[in-house]
Amino acid sequence: MSFFEPSPVLLAFIFVQRFVFFEVLGSLALIRVIVGRGVARLPAAIALLISSAAIFASFAPALNLQSLPLYADIARVQASGGGVILPLVASAIFAISLVMRQRKWQWIDVVHIVGLLAFLGLWLATRV
């Protein structure tokens, strides 16, 4: 493999980071906002907002929306730390609802943890 041929693991990580992780996290957060009760909705709503901003930053160039004021800031935050900081922050905020008693449908937390572990596994595999 040469410099101009990136590894398949790196390509998979970039694909998951750009087009899968935030969509899945946003869907889980939306479900938690809809079916949750009380304060369990708040971390899910914040994670939904972060996921929506990241999805916007991913698709803005294709929709010719990169001239909007917040695009540059969101894209810069999304790219920081090798593209792993924003997913971890959004996941950590969503995970706060894990310890709240008013949450419903605990399977959402299982899917979230499995997805986060898969994302971290891909990220670690790109570092090896």
Protein backbone atom coordinates (compact mmCIF):
# COMPACT_ATOMS: atom_id res chain seq x y z
CA MET A 1 0.00 0.00 0.00
CA SER A 2 1.40 3.38 -0.96
CA PHE A 3 0.84 6.87 0.36
CA PHE A 4 -1.86 7.49 -2.22
CA GLU A 5 -3.78 4.33 -1.33
CA PRO A 6 -5.31 4.78 2.12
CA SER A 7 -6.11 1.70 4.15
CA PRO A 8 -9.65 0.31 4.02
CA VAL A 9 -9.91 0.75 7.79
CA LEU A 10 -9.21 4.48 7.46
CA LEU A 11 -11.78 4.78 4.69
CA ALA A 12 -14.33 2.91 6.82
CA PHE A 13 -13.63 5.22 9.78
CA ILE A 14 -14.09 8.35 7.66
CA PHE A 15 -17.31 6.97 6.18
CA VAL A 16 -18.73 6.03 9.59
CA GLN A 17 -17.65 9.32 11.15
CA ARG A 18 -19.17 11.41 8.35
CA PHE A 19 -22.27 9.47 7.29
CA VAL A 20 -23.30 6.93 9.93
CA PHE A 21 -22.43 7.87 13.52
CA PHE A 22 -24.32 11.15 13.84
CA GLU A 23 -27.31 9.86 11.90
CA VAL A 24 -27.66 6.88 14.25
CA LEU A 25 -27.01 8.97 17.37
CA GLY A 26 -29.48 11.60 16.20
CA SER A 27 -32.12 8.94 15.57
CA LEU A 28 -31.61 7.43 19.02
CA ALA A 29 -31.71 10.88 20.59
CA LEU A 30 -34.92 11.72 18.73
CA ILE A 31 -36.52 8.51 19.96
CA ARG A 32 -35.43 9.31 23.53
CA VAL A 33 -36.84 12.85 23.23
CA ILE A 34 -40.17 11.49 22.01
CA VAL A 35 -40.64 8.59 24.44
CA GLY A 36 -38.60 9.80 27.41
CA ARG A 37 -40.06 11.52 30.42
CA GLY A 38 -38.93 14.47 32.45
CA VAL A 39 -35.28 15.48 32.55
CA ALA A 40 -34.18 12.38 30.62
CA ARG A 41 -35.19 14.32 27.51
CA LEU A 42 -32.73 17.15 28.06
CA PRO A 43 -29.43 15.32 27.32
CA ALA A 44 -31.09 13.61 24.38
CA ALA A 45 -32.26 16.97 23.00
CA ILE A 46 -28.75 18.41 23.30
CA ALA A 47 -27.27 15.35 21.58
CA LEU A 48 -29.92 15.71 18.87
CA LEU A 49 -28.90 19.34 18.28
CA ILE A 50 -25.21 18.41 18.09
CA SER A 51 -25.98 15.54 15.72
CA SER A 52 -28.11 17.79 13.53
CA ALA A 53 -25.31 20.35 13.32
CA ALA A 54 -22.79 17.65 12.37
CA ILE A 55 -25.13 16.23 9.72
CA PHE A 56 -25.57 19.74 8.34
CA ALA A 57 -21.78 20.20 8.18
CA SER A 58 -21.41 16.89 6.34
CA PHE A 59 -23.99 17.65 3.66
CA ALA A 60 -23.61 21.44 3.35
CA PRO A 61 -20.97 21.31 0.58
CA ALA A 62 -23.14 19.01 -1.53
CA LEU A 63 -26.09 21.39 -1.09
CA ASN A 64 -23.93 24.49 -1.71
CA LEU A 65 -24.63 25.79 1.81
CA GLN A 66 -21.04 26.25 2.96
CA SER A 67 -21.42 30.03 2.77
CA LEU A 68 -23.79 30.04 5.76
CA PRO A 69 -22.31 31.65 8.88
CA LEU A 70 -22.10 28.62 11.17
CA TYR A 71 -20.78 26.13 8.62
CA ALA A 72 -17.08 26.97 9.06
CA ASP A 73 -17.26 26.77 12.86
CA ILE A 74 -19.16 23.48 12.86
CA ALA A 75 -16.82 21.93 10.27
CA ARG A 76 -13.78 23.06 12.29
CA VAL A 77 -15.15 21.49 15.49
CA GLN A 78 -16.13 18.34 13.61
CA ALA A 79 -12.59 17.96 12.22
CA SER A 80 -10.82 18.64 15.52
CA GLY A 81 -8.99 15.82 17.19
CA GLY A 82 -8.92 13.70 14.07
CA GLY A 83 -12.70 13.77 13.85
CA VAL A 84 -13.25 11.98 17.14
CA ILE A 85 -13.89 14.80 19.64
CA LEU A 86 -17.37 15.87 18.51
CA PRO A 87 -18.74 12.29 18.35
CA LEU A 88 -17.37 11.62 21.85
CA VAL A 89 -18.84 14.83 23.25
CA ALA A 90 -22.24 14.15 21.69
CA SER A 91 -22.12 10.56 22.92
CA ALA A 92 -21.13 11.59 26.44
CA ILE A 93 -24.00 14.06 26.61
CA PHE A 94 -26.44 11.44 25.35
CA ALA A 95 -25.04 8.91 27.85
CA ILE A 96 -26.08 11.19 30.71
CA SER A 97 -29.65 10.03 30.10
CA LEU A 98 -28.40 6.48 30.75
CA VAL A 99 -28.27 7.12 34.50
CA MET A 100 -31.61 8.93 34.73
CA ARG A 101 -34.51 7.02 36.17
CA GLN A 102 -37.11 8.59 33.88
CA ARG A 103 -35.69 7.19 30.68
CA LYS A 104 -37.69 4.63 28.77
CA TRP A 105 -36.71 1.91 26.34
CA GLN A 106 -33.35 0.84 27.71
CA TRP A 107 -32.51 -0.85 24.42
CA ILE A 108 -31.66 2.64 23.12
CA ASP A 109 -28.75 2.73 25.57
CA VAL A 110 -27.54 -0.71 24.47
CA VAL A 111 -27.56 0.34 20.80
CA HIS A 112 -25.78 3.57 21.72
CA ILE A 113 -23.02 1.80 23.67
CA VAL A 114 -22.50 -0.82 20.95
CA GLY A 115 -22.30 1.91 18.30
CA LEU A 116 -19.88 3.97 20.37
CA LEU A 117 -17.65 0.95 20.98
CA ALA A 118 -17.65 0.14 17.26
CA PHE A 119 -16.74 3.76 16.46
CA LEU A 120 -13.93 3.77 19.00
CA GLY A 121 -12.71 0.42 17.70
CA LEU A 122 -12.50 1.82 14.17
CA TRP A 123 -10.70 4.91 15.47
CA LEU A 124 -8.19 2.78 17.39
CA ALA A 125 -7.66 0.58 14.34
CA THR A 126 -6.72 3.65 12.31
CA ARG A 127 -4.05 4.49 14.90
CA VAL A 128 -2.30 1.12 14.63
